[in-house]
Amino acid sequence: MKNIFSRRNFLKTAALSGTAVAIPEKLFDASPSYKNEPFKLNENPLKLGVMTYTLAKDWDIDTIIKNLSEAGYQSVELRTTHAHGVEVTLSESERREVKKRFVDSPLEAISLASAFQYHSPDPEELRKNIEGTKEYTLLARDVGALGFRVFPNALPEDVPEERTMEQIGKALAEVGEFAYNHGVEIRVCVHGRGTSSIPVIKKIVDYSESPHVYVNWNCNPNDTEGQGLEYNFNLIKDRIRSLHIHELWDKEYPYRQLFSLLSDNNFTGYCNAEISGNDDPVRFLRYYRGLFLALQNAL
């Protein structure tokens, strides 16, 4: 029969040999220490929505409301030109009907997103985008949207960067004031060639000299550049009104840290998922929501 070398036999043998040493009890404790620590569930997780640019681009309003409500989502950001049909061509009565359908739904809020941008050195193109923004801002007001997403959307190579940043900032000031007067927030997305940088967005917002220009955080890979995520976050934390979040499984982006920073900053807006889906969208959305909550210790 084979001898069984137990902890008891080891201690007995060590004691008899006269060379016994103190063996800490924890060396033989198979349970990890964290299991004995109290776990407090986060009862106030951030709010989750969907940006319809990808997953919901082919859904009409009824499908959006049905799928997001079943999956436990709280908001939707409607990308203009998509299948939901919320466009400036809607009549006054049609706009009222869109507003009513969302108000009567389980969703808490909606916002709109566009591709209007203000970096072009062509004055006519710039003015076209500014006036288009104003037109869609009125649509946002009429359908009950909280905010309206716009772009910077680049730093042209043949123009001094500071000049372009100032131009974008002044354009944002104009549309931001217009939107504010109609009860809508203008939210500039951290997006575009050269303008997907948080420090650049900070400069653009500063150039606007307006309290009514807000930011849509876009979860870009370069958010951690320079002095890191927390430093960059703090540059514009008082302007962040919405987010686009992407693949939460991506370990290269510090989502847990970002969610913690938002929570500590008492963020009350919506994190809108800009993601691709699959053939079972409601089930997919539920899994995404589960990971979103788990990253905040809320599940």
C-alpha atoms as a PDB file:
ATOM      1  CA  MET A   1       0.000   0.000   0.000  1.00  0.00           C
ATOM      2  CA  LYS A   2       1.310   3.428  -0.890  1.00  0.00           C
ATOM      3  CA  ASN A   3       1.990   5.851   1.903  1.00  0.00           C
ATOM      4  CA  ILE A   4      -0.211   8.921   1.883  1.00  0.00           C
ATOM      5  CA  PHE A   5       1.759  12.043   2.735  1.00  0.00           C
ATOM      6  CA  SER A   6      -0.823  14.155   4.548  1.00  0.00           C
ATOM      7  CA  ARG A   7      -0.493  17.517   6.210  1.00  0.00           C
ATOM      8  CA  ARG A   8      -0.808  15.749   9.598  1.00  0.00           C
ATOM      9  CA  ASN A   9       2.015  13.333   8.786  1.00  0.00           C
ATOM     10  CA  PHE A  10       4.206  16.204   7.626  1.00  0.00           C
ATOM     11  CA  LEU A  11       3.786  18.153  10.855  1.00  0.00           C
ATOM     12  CA  LYS A  12       4.314  15.021  12.956  1.00  0.00           C
ATOM     13  CA  THR A  13       7.497  14.105  11.105  1.00  0.00           C
ATOM     14  CA  ALA A  14       8.827  17.661  11.284  1.00  0.00           C
ATOM     15  CA  ALA A  15       8.210  17.834  15.032  1.00  0.00           C
ATOM     16  CA  LEU A  16       9.984  14.493  15.683  1.00  0.00           C
ATOM     17  CA  SER A  17      12.988  15.566  13.668  1.00  0.00           C
ATOM     18  CA  GLY A  18      13.537  18.555  15.921  1.00  0.00           C
ATOM     19  CA  THR A  19      13.635  20.880  12.917  1.00  0.00           C
ATOM     20  CA  ALA A  20      10.005  21.810  12.753  1.00  0.00           C
ATOM     21  CA  VAL A  21       9.133  25.232  11.386  1.00  0.00           C
ATOM     22  CA  ALA A  22       5.976  27.242  11.790  1.00  0.00           C
ATOM     23  CA  ILE A  23       3.654  26.481   8.892  1.00  0.00           C
ATOM     24  CA  PRO A  24       1.081  29.213   8.372  1.00  0.00           C
ATOM     25  CA  GLU A  25      -2.460  27.889   8.281  1.00  0.00           C
ATOM     26  CA  LYS A  26      -3.162  29.906   5.107  1.00  0.00           C
ATOM     27  CA  LEU A  27      -0.716  27.788   3.139  1.00  0.00           C
ATOM     28  CA  PHE A  28      -3.210  24.954   3.430  1.00  0.00           C
ATOM     29  CA  ASP A  29      -6.322  27.064   2.862  1.00  0.00           C
ATOM     30  CA  ALA A  30      -7.630  26.099  -0.567  1.00  0.00           C
ATOM     31  CA  SER A  31     -10.217  28.883  -0.716  1.00  0.00           C
ATOM     32  CA  PRO A  32      -9.083  32.208  -2.268  1.00  0.00           C
ATOM     33  CA  SER A  33      -9.075  35.089   0.198  1.00  0.00           C
ATOM     34  CA  TYR A  34     -11.409  37.187  -1.949  1.00  0.00           C
ATOM     35  CA  LYS A  35     -14.204  34.693  -1.303  1.00  0.00           C
ATOM     36  CA  ASN A  36     -14.254  35.791   2.314  1.00  0.00           C
ATOM     37  CA  GLU A  37     -14.514  39.456   1.419  1.00  0.00           C
ATOM     38  CA  PRO A  38     -18.002  40.981   1.297  1.00  0.00           C
ATOM     39  CA  PHE A  39     -19.224  41.745  -2.225  1.00  0.00           C
ATOM     40  CA  LYS A  40     -21.479  44.720  -2.649  1.00  0.00           C
ATOM     41  CA  LEU A  41     -23.534  44.809  -5.801  1.00  0.00           C
ATOM     42  CA  ASN A  42     -23.502  48.101  -7.683  1.00  0.00           C
ATOM     43  CA  GLU A  43     -27.136  49.162  -7.576  1.00  0.00           C
ATOM     44  CA  ASN A  44     -26.645  52.231  -9.786  1.00  0.00           C
ATOM     45  CA  PRO A  45     -25.086  51.106 -13.072  1.00  0.00           C
ATOM     46  CA  LEU A  46     -24.809  53.406 -16.057  1.00  0.00           C
ATOM     47  CA  LYS A  47     -27.658  53.520 -18.553  1.00  0.00           C
ATOM     48  CA  LEU A  48     -27.499  51.539 -21.785  1.00  0.00           C
ATOM     49  CA  GLY A  49     -28.877  52.258 -25.240  1.00  0.00           C
ATOM     50  CA  VAL A  50     -28.228  51.459 -28.899  1.00  0.00           C
ATOM     51  CA  MET A  51     -26.912  53.620 -31.705  1.00  0.00           C
ATOM     52  CA  THR A  52     -28.735  52.441 -34.840  1.00  0.00           C
ATOM     53  CA  TYR A  53     -25.811  52.972 -37.238  1.00  0.00           C
ATOM     54  CA  THR A  54     -24.924  49.266 -37.264  1.00  0.00           C
ATOM     55  CA  LEU A  55     -27.002  46.690 -35.407  1.00  0.00           C
ATOM     56  CA  ALA A  56     -30.379  48.402 -35.897  1.00  0.00           C
ATOM     57  CA  LYS A  57     -29.817  50.125 -39.237  1.00  0.00           C
ATOM     58  CA  ASP A  58     -32.560  48.091 -40.942  1.00  0.00           C
ATOM     59  CA  TRP A  59     -35.135  48.288 -38.140  1.00  0.00           C
ATOM     60  CA  ASP A  60     -38.256  50.406 -38.273  1.00  0.00           C
ATOM     61  CA  ILE A  61     -39.527  52.208 -35.176  1.00  0.00           C
ATOM     62  CA  ASP A  62     -41.729  49.327 -34.034  1.00  0.00           C
ATOM     63  CA  THR A  63     -38.854  46.856 -34.285  1.00  0.00           C
ATOM     64  CA  ILE A  64     -36.503  49.203 -32.426  1.00  0.00           C
ATOM     65  CA  ILE A  65     -38.947  49.619 -29.564  1.00  0.00           C
ATOM     66  CA  LYS A  66     -39.773  45.897 -29.421  1.00  0.00           C
ATOM     67  CA  ASN A  67     -36.212  44.581 -29.510  1.00  0.00           C
ATOM     68  CA  LEU A  68     -34.634  47.106 -27.172  1.00  0.00           C
ATOM     69  CA  SER A  69     -37.456  46.860 -24.647  1.00  0.00           C
ATOM     70  CA  GLU A  70     -37.286  43.056 -24.578  1.00  0.00           C
ATOM     71  CA  ALA A  71     -33.520  43.221 -24.045  1.00  0.00           C
ATOM     72  CA  GLY A  72     -33.781  45.730 -21.182  1.00  0.00           C
ATOM     73  CA  TYR A  73     -32.232  48.754 -22.917  1.00  0.00           C
ATOM     74  CA  GLN A  74     -33.143  52.288 -21.903  1.00  0.00           C
ATOM     75  CA  SER A  75     -32.532  54.528 -24.906  1.00  0.00           C
ATOM     76  CA  VAL A  76     -31.909  54.693 -28.622  1.00  0.00           C
ATOM     77  CA  GLU A  77     -29.867  57.049 -30.777  1.00  0.00           C
ATOM     78  CA  LEU A  78     -31.469  57.219 -34.203  1.00  0.00           C
ATOM     79  CA  ARG A  79     -28.941  57.631 -37.013  1.00  0.00           C
ATOM     80  CA  THR A  80     -30.441  59.752 -39.764  1.00  0.00           C
ATOM     81  CA  THR A  81     -30.897  58.243 -43.272  1.00  0.00           C
ATOM     82  CA  HIS A  82     -31.671  54.793 -41.819  1.00  0.00           C
ATOM     83  CA  ALA A  83     -34.706  52.531 -42.040  1.00  0.00           C
ATOM     84  CA  HIS A  84     -36.559  54.062 -39.086  1.00  0.00           C
ATOM     85  CA  GLY A  85     -37.404  57.033 -41.329  1.00  0.00           C
ATOM     86  CA  VAL A  86     -37.092  59.828 -38.761  1.00  0.00           C
ATOM     87  CA  GLU A  87     -36.124  62.568 -41.205  1.00  0.00           C
ATOM     88  CA  VAL A  88     -36.858  66.241 -41.870  1.00  0.00           C
ATOM     89  CA  THR A  89     -39.336  65.194 -44.556  1.00  0.00           C
ATOM     90  CA  LEU A  90     -41.808  64.189 -41.830  1.00  0.00           C
ATOM     91  CA  SER A  91     -44.863  66.414 -41.499  1.00  0.00           C
ATOM     92  CA  GLU A  92     -45.815  68.041 -38.191  1.00  0.00           C
ATOM     93  CA  SER A  93     -48.391  65.359 -37.473  1.00  0.00           C
ATOM     94  CA  GLU A  94     -45.937  62.585 -38.344  1.00  0.00           C
ATOM     95  CA  ARG A  95     -43.385  64.103 -35.983  1.00  0.00           C
ATOM     96  CA  ARG A  96     -45.935  64.177 -33.190  1.00  0.00           C
ATOM     97  CA  GLU A  97     -46.741  60.533 -33.872  1.00  0.00           C
ATOM     98  CA  VAL A  98     -43.044  59.528 -33.686  1.00  0.00           C
ATOM     99  CA  LYS A  99     -42.720  61.364 -30.392  1.00  0.00           C
ATOM    100  CA  LYS A 100     -45.828  59.692 -29.003  1.00  0.00           C
ATOM    101  CA  ARG A 101     -44.680  56.205 -29.982  1.00  0.00           C
ATOM    102  CA  PHE A 102     -41.435  56.614 -28.072  1.00  0.00           C
ATOM    103  CA  VAL A 103     -43.053  58.342 -25.101  1.00  0.00           C
ATOM    104  CA  ASP A 104     -45.547  55.487 -24.831  1.00  0.00           C
ATOM    105  CA  SER A 105     -42.766  52.877 -25.061  1.00  0.00           C
ATOM    106  CA  PRO A 106     -40.670  51.454 -22.212  1.00  0.00           C
ATOM    107  CA  LEU A 107     -37.637  53.397 -23.516  1.00  0.00           C
ATOM    108  CA  GLU A 108     -36.644  56.360 -21.382  1.00  0.00           C
ATOM    109  CA  ALA A 109     -35.190  58.638 -24.044  1.00  0.00           C
ATOM    110  CA  ILE A 110     -34.138  59.076 -27.643  1.00  0.00           C
ATOM    111  CA  SER A 111     -31.543  61.174 -29.431  1.00  0.00           C
ATOM    112  CA  LEU A 112     -30.607  61.718 -33.065  1.00  0.00           C
ATOM    113  CA  ALA A 113     -27.259  61.350 -34.832  1.00  0.00           C
ATOM    114  CA  SER A 114     -26.154  62.882 -38.120  1.00  0.00           C
ATOM    115  CA  ALA A 115     -23.094  63.172 -40.347  1.00  0.00           C
ATOM    116  CA  PHE A 116     -23.019  66.979 -40.387  1.00  0.00           C
ATOM    117  CA  GLN A 117     -19.428  68.206 -40.082  1.00  0.00           C
ATOM    118  CA  TYR A 118     -17.630  71.538 -39.929  1.00  0.00           C
ATOM    119  CA  HIS A 119     -14.029  71.100 -41.069  1.00  0.00           C
ATOM    120  CA  SER A 120     -14.333  71.949 -44.761  1.00  0.00           C
ATOM    121  CA  PRO A 121     -12.300  74.988 -45.888  1.00  0.00           C
ATOM    122  CA  ASP A 122     -15.034  75.660 -48.470  1.00  0.00           C
ATOM    123  CA  PRO A 123     -17.309  78.365 -46.975  1.00  0.00           C
ATOM    124  CA  GLU A 124     -20.337  77.145 -48.929  1.00  0.00           C
ATOM    125  CA  GLU A 125     -19.874  73.564 -47.752  1.00  0.00           C
ATOM    126  CA  LEU A 126     -19.444  74.736 -44.178  1.00  0.00           C
ATOM    127  CA  ARG A 127     -22.598  76.853 -44.314  1.00  0.00           C
ATOM    128  CA  LYS A 128     -24.518  73.940 -45.846  1.00  0.00           C
ATOM    129  CA  ASN A 129     -23.607  71.746 -42.897  1.00  0.00           C
ATOM    130  CA  ILE A 130     -24.473  74.426 -40.356  1.00  0.00           C
ATOM    131  CA  GLU A 131     -27.907  75.061 -41.856  1.00  0.00           C
ATOM    132  CA  GLY A 132     -28.546  71.339 -42.232  1.00  0.00           C
ATOM    133  CA  THR A 133     -27.741  70.900 -38.550  1.00  0.00           C
ATOM    134  CA  LYS A 134     -30.278  73.567 -37.633  1.00  0.00           C
ATOM    135  CA  GLU A 135     -32.950  71.940 -39.775  1.00  0.00           C
ATOM    136  CA  TYR A 136     -32.433  68.547 -38.135  1.00  0.00           C
ATOM    137  CA  THR A 137     -32.231  70.148 -34.705  1.00  0.00           C
ATOM    138  CA  LEU A 138     -35.834  71.257 -35.177  1.00  0.00           C
ATOM    139  CA  LEU A 139     -36.706  67.670 -36.072  1.00  0.00           C
ATOM    140  CA  ALA A 140     -34.978  66.513 -32.891  1.00  0.00           C
ATOM    141  CA  ARG A 141     -37.037  68.970 -30.884  1.00  0.00           C
ATOM    142  CA  ASP A 142     -40.280  67.877 -32.542  1.00  0.00           C
ATOM    143  CA  VAL A 143     -39.753  64.148 -31.907  1.00  0.00           C
ATOM    144  CA  GLY A 144     -38.619  64.660 -28.312  1.00  0.00           C
ATOM    145  CA  ALA A 145     -34.912  63.904 -28.747  1.00  0.00           C
ATOM    146  CA  LEU A 146     -32.585  65.040 -25.967  1.00  0.00           C
ATOM    147  CA  GLY A 147     -29.564  65.579 -28.169  1.00  0.00           C
ATOM    148  CA  PHE A 148     -28.207  65.713 -31.695  1.00  0.00           C
ATOM    149  CA  ARG A 149     -24.819  64.208 -32.636  1.00  0.00           C
ATOM    150  CA  VAL A 150     -22.521  65.987 -35.131  1.00  0.00           C
ATOM    151  CA  PHE A 151     -18.904  65.577 -36.293  1.00  0.00           C
ATOM    152  CA  PRO A 152     -15.747  67.730 -36.381  1.00  0.00           C
ATOM    153  CA  ASN A 153     -14.704  65.639 -38.781  1.00  0.00           C
ATOM    154  CA  ALA A 154     -11.062  66.060 -39.919  1.00  0.00           C
ATOM    155  CA  LEU A 155      -8.025  68.324 -39.953  1.00  0.00           C
ATOM    156  CA  PRO A 156      -7.370  69.019 -43.667  1.00  0.00           C
ATOM    157  CA  GLU A 157      -3.694  68.676 -44.525  1.00  0.00           C
ATOM    158  CA  ASP A 158      -3.467  71.932 -46.484  1.00  0.00           C
ATOM    159  CA  VAL A 159      -4.914  74.111 -43.700  1.00  0.00           C
ATOM    160  CA  PRO A 160      -3.240  75.096 -40.389  1.00  0.00           C
ATOM    161  CA  GLU A 161      -4.648  72.833 -37.694  1.00  0.00           C
ATOM    162  CA  GLU A 162      -5.419  75.645 -35.275  1.00  0.00           C
ATOM    163  CA  ARG A 163      -7.412  77.458 -37.949  1.00  0.00           C
ATOM    164  CA  THR A 164      -9.530  74.364 -38.593  1.00  0.00           C
ATOM    165  CA  MET A 165     -10.078  73.727 -34.887  1.00  0.00           C
ATOM    166  CA  GLU A 166     -11.195  77.322 -34.419  1.00  0.00           C
ATOM    167  CA  GLN A 167     -13.537  77.072 -37.427  1.00  0.00           C
ATOM    168  CA  ILE A 168     -15.121  73.899 -36.062  1.00  0.00           C
ATOM    169  CA  GLY A 169     -15.446  75.478 -32.636  1.00  0.00           C
ATOM    170  CA  LYS A 170     -17.159  78.601 -33.962  1.00  0.00           C
ATOM    171  CA  ALA A 171     -19.540  76.502 -36.079  1.00  0.00           C
ATOM    172  CA  LEU A 172     -20.393  74.436 -33.021  1.00  0.00           C
ATOM    173  CA  ALA A 173     -21.044  77.616 -31.052  1.00  0.00           C
ATOM    174  CA  GLU A 174     -23.582  78.724 -33.652  1.00  0.00           C
ATOM    175  CA  VAL A 175     -25.460  75.426 -33.857  1.00  0.00           C
ATOM    176  CA  GLY A 176     -25.084  74.849 -30.121  1.00  0.00           C
ATOM    177  CA  GLU A 177     -26.786  78.126 -29.277  1.00  0.00           C
ATOM    178  CA  PHE A 178     -29.523  77.439 -31.837  1.00  0.00           C
ATOM    179  CA  ALA A 179     -30.127  73.983 -30.386  1.00  0.00           C
ATOM    180  CA  TYR A 180     -30.134  75.269 -26.809  1.00  0.00           C
ATOM    181  CA  ASN A 181     -32.857  77.759 -27.691  1.00  0.00           C
ATOM    182  CA  HIS A 182     -34.962  74.830 -28.911  1.00  0.00           C
ATOM    183  CA  GLY A 183     -34.338  72.523 -25.948  1.00  0.00           C
ATOM    184  CA  VAL A 184     -31.818  70.214 -27.671  1.00  0.00           C
ATOM    185  CA  GLU A 185     -28.146  69.495 -26.902  1.00  0.00           C
ATOM    186  CA  ILE A 186     -25.526  69.578 -29.655  1.00  0.00           C
ATOM    187  CA  ARG A 187     -23.012  66.780 -29.083  1.00  0.00           C
ATOM    188  CA  VAL A 188     -19.791  66.713 -31.083  1.00  0.00           C
ATOM    189  CA  CYS A 189     -18.373  63.218 -31.526  1.00  0.00           C
ATOM    190  CA  VAL A 190     -14.690  62.456 -30.883  1.00  0.00           C
ATOM    191  CA  HIS A 191     -14.284  61.248 -34.442  1.00  0.00           C
ATOM    192  CA  GLY A 192     -12.369  61.802 -37.658  1.00  0.00           C
ATOM    193  CA  ARG A 193      -8.851  62.125 -39.051  1.00  0.00           C
ATOM    194  CA  GLY A 194      -6.926  64.156 -36.511  1.00  0.00           C
ATOM    195  CA  THR A 195     -10.088  65.029 -34.595  1.00  0.00           C
ATOM    196  CA  SER A 196     -10.516  61.692 -32.828  1.00  0.00           C
ATOM    197  CA  SER A 197      -8.092  62.965 -30.206  1.00  0.00           C
ATOM    198  CA  ILE A 198      -9.418  64.092 -26.825  1.00  0.00           C
ATOM    199  CA  PRO A 199      -6.951  67.021 -26.537  1.00  0.00           C
ATOM    200  CA  VAL A 200      -8.028  68.207 -30.001  1.00  0.00           C
ATOM    201  CA  ILE A 201     -11.696  68.015 -29.018  1.00  0.00           C
ATOM    202  CA  LYS A 202     -10.845  69.980 -25.869  1.00  0.00           C
ATOM    203  CA  LYS A 203      -9.325  72.731 -28.031  1.00  0.00           C
ATOM    204  CA  ILE A 204     -12.346  72.733 -30.344  1.00  0.00           C
ATOM    205  CA  VAL A 205     -14.727  73.091 -27.401  1.00  0.00           C
ATOM    206  CA  ASP A 206     -12.568  75.881 -25.981  1.00  0.00           C
ATOM    207  CA  TYR A 207     -12.619  77.685 -29.327  1.00  0.00           C
ATOM    208  CA  SER A 208     -16.420  77.569 -29.287  1.00  0.00           C
ATOM    209  CA  GLU A 209     -16.486  79.680 -26.103  1.00  0.00           C
ATOM    210  CA  SER A 210     -19.978  78.286 -25.623  1.00  0.00           C
ATOM    211  CA  PRO A 211     -21.528  76.551 -22.617  1.00  0.00           C
ATOM    212  CA  HIS A 212     -23.928  74.809 -24.992  1.00  0.00           C
ATOM    213  CA  VAL A 213     -21.468  72.596 -26.884  1.00  0.00           C
ATOM    214  CA  TYR A 214     -21.252  69.047 -25.540  1.00  0.00           C
ATOM    215  CA  VAL A 215     -19.261  65.907 -26.333  1.00  0.00           C
ATOM    216  CA  ASN A 216     -20.083  62.384 -27.431  1.00  0.00           C
ATOM    217  CA  TRP A 217     -17.259  60.161 -26.117  1.00  0.00           C
ATOM    218  CA  ASN A 218     -16.483  57.581 -28.798  1.00  0.00           C
ATOM    219  CA  CYS A 219     -14.260  54.952 -27.092  1.00  0.00           C
ATOM    220  CA  ASN A 220     -11.385  55.334 -29.560  1.00  0.00           C
ATOM    221  CA  PRO A 221      -8.154  53.331 -29.127  1.00  0.00           C
ATOM    222  CA  ASN A 222      -6.184  56.571 -28.697  1.00  0.00           C
ATOM    223  CA  ASP A 223      -8.209  57.629 -25.648  1.00  0.00           C
ATOM    224  CA  THR A 224      -5.374  56.226 -23.535  1.00  0.00           C
ATOM    225  CA  GLU A 225      -2.568  58.081 -25.328  1.00  0.00           C
ATOM    226  CA  GLY A 226      -0.456  60.804 -23.768  1.00  0.00           C
ATOM    227  CA  GLN A 227      -0.980  60.930 -20.009  1.00  0.00           C
ATOM    228  CA  GLY A 228      -3.613  58.197 -20.057  1.00  0.00           C
ATOM    229  CA  LEU A 229      -7.346  57.672 -19.967  1.00  0.00           C
ATOM    230  CA  GLU A 230      -8.068  59.426 -16.688  1.00  0.00           C
ATOM    231  CA  TYR A 231      -6.138  62.543 -17.700  1.00  0.00           C
ATOM    232  CA  ASN A 232      -7.880  62.700 -21.086  1.00  0.00           C
ATOM    233  CA  PHE A 233     -11.261  62.032 -19.496  1.00  0.00           C
ATOM    234  CA  ASN A 234     -10.758  64.885 -17.062  1.00  0.00           C
ATOM    235  CA  LEU A 235     -10.050  67.302 -19.927  1.00  0.00           C
ATOM    236  CA  ILE A 236     -13.676  67.148 -21.073  1.00  0.00           C
ATOM    237  CA  LYS A 237     -15.559  65.333 -18.315  1.00  0.00           C
ATOM    238  CA  ASP A 238     -17.909  68.252 -17.702  1.00  0.00           C
ATOM    239  CA  ARG A 239     -18.948  68.252 -21.379  1.00  0.00           C
ATOM    240  CA  ILE A 240     -19.665  64.552 -21.888  1.00  0.00           C
ATOM    241  CA  ARG A 241     -23.383  63.987 -22.495  1.00  0.00           C
ATOM    242  CA  SER A 242     -23.382  60.656 -24.351  1.00  0.00           C
ATOM    243  CA  LEU A 243     -21.131  57.779 -25.372  1.00  0.00           C
ATOM    244  CA  HIS A 244     -20.681  55.314 -28.158  1.00  0.00           C
ATOM    245  CA  ILE A 245     -19.401  52.028 -26.770  1.00  0.00           C
ATOM    246  CA  HIS A 246     -18.219  49.166 -28.946  1.00  0.00           C
ATOM    247  CA  GLU A 247     -16.930  45.625 -28.374  1.00  0.00           C
ATOM    248  CA  LEU A 248     -16.885  45.263 -24.590  1.00  0.00           C
ATOM    249  CA  TRP A 249     -14.827  42.055 -24.766  1.00  0.00           C
ATOM    250  CA  ASP A 250     -11.901  44.012 -26.233  1.00  0.00           C
ATOM    251  CA  LYS A 251      -9.253  43.945 -23.487  1.00  0.00           C
ATOM    252  CA  GLU A 252      -7.277  46.653 -25.277  1.00  0.00           C
ATOM    253  CA  TYR A 253      -9.837  49.294 -24.290  1.00  0.00           C
ATOM    254  CA  PRO A 254     -10.229  50.019 -20.540  1.00  0.00           C
ATOM    255  CA  TYR A 255     -14.022  49.924 -20.359  1.00  0.00           C
ATOM    256  CA  ARG A 256     -14.082  49.075 -16.655  1.00  0.00           C
ATOM    257  CA  GLN A 257     -11.952  52.123 -15.854  1.00  0.00           C
ATOM    258  CA  LEU A 258     -14.043  54.347 -18.128  1.00  0.00           C
ATOM    259  CA  PHE A 259     -17.290  53.217 -16.508  1.00  0.00           C
ATOM    260  CA  SER A 260     -15.799  53.887 -13.095  1.00  0.00           C
ATOM    261  CA  LEU A 261     -14.740  57.396 -14.121  1.00  0.00           C
ATOM    262  CA  LEU A 262     -18.217  58.116 -15.479  1.00  0.00           C
ATOM    263  CA  SER A 263     -19.853  56.854 -12.314  1.00  0.00           C
ATOM    264  CA  ASP A 264     -17.533  58.896 -10.108  1.00  0.00           C
ATOM    265  CA  ASN A 265     -18.391  61.931 -12.226  1.00  0.00           C
ATOM    266  CA  ASN A 266     -22.136  61.342 -11.651  1.00  0.00           C
ATOM    267  CA  PHE A 267     -22.769  60.790 -15.354  1.00  0.00           C
ATOM    268  CA  THR A 268     -26.500  60.494 -16.022  1.00  0.00           C
ATOM    269  CA  GLY A 269     -26.504  60.135 -19.812  1.00  0.00           C
ATOM    270  CA  TYR A 270     -26.614  57.019 -21.968  1.00  0.00           C
ATOM    271  CA  CYS A 271     -23.930  54.658 -23.215  1.00  0.00           C
ATOM    272  CA  ASN A 272     -25.162  53.796 -26.701  1.00  0.00           C
ATOM    273  CA  ALA A 273     -23.851  50.552 -28.177  1.00  0.00           C
ATOM    274  CA  GLU A 274     -22.499  50.957 -31.699  1.00  0.00           C
ATOM    275  CA  ILE A 275     -22.019  47.300 -32.560  1.00  0.00           C
ATOM    276  CA  SER A 276     -22.802  44.685 -35.155  1.00  0.00           C
ATOM    277  CA  GLY A 277     -25.330  41.993 -34.251  1.00  0.00           C
ATOM    278  CA  ASN A 278     -26.347  38.537 -35.416  1.00  0.00           C
ATOM    279  CA  ASP A 279     -29.422  36.591 -36.491  1.00  0.00           C
ATOM    280  CA  ASP A 280     -30.817  36.559 -32.954  1.00  0.00           C
ATOM    281  CA  PRO A 281     -30.600  40.254 -32.062  1.00  0.00           C
ATOM    282  CA  VAL A 282     -32.576  40.233 -28.815  1.00  0.00           C
ATOM    283  CA  ARG A 283     -30.502  37.380 -27.366  1.00  0.00           C
ATOM    284  CA  PHE A 284     -27.325  39.098 -28.548  1.00  0.00           C
ATOM    285  CA  LEU A 285     -28.415  42.382 -26.949  1.00  0.00           C
ATOM    286  CA  ARG A 286     -29.114  40.614 -23.674  1.00  0.00           C
ATOM    287  CA  TYR A 287     -25.618  39.153 -23.598  1.00  0.00           C
ATOM    288  CA  TYR A 288     -24.122  42.566 -24.402  1.00  0.00           C
ATOM    289  CA  ARG A 289     -26.136  44.126 -21.590  1.00  0.00           C
ATOM    290  CA  GLY A 290     -24.943  41.394 -19.248  1.00  0.00           C
ATOM    291  CA  LEU A 291     -21.309  42.196 -20.001  1.00  0.00           C
ATOM    292  CA  PHE A 292     -22.018  45.931 -19.688  1.00  0.00           C
ATOM    293  CA  LEU A 293     -23.418  45.356 -16.185  1.00  0.00           C
ATOM    294  CA  ALA A 294     -20.688  42.902 -15.188  1.00  0.00           C
ATOM    295  CA  LEU A 295     -17.985  45.453 -16.014  1.00  0.00           C
ATOM    296  CA  GLN A 296     -19.618  47.708 -13.417  1.00  0.00           C
ATOM    297  CA  ASN A 297     -20.012  44.960 -10.766  1.00  0.00           C
ATOM    298  CA  ALA A 298     -23.765  45.264 -11.255  1.00  0.00           C
ATOM    299  CA  LEU A 299     -24.435  41.653 -12.201  1.00  0.00           C
END
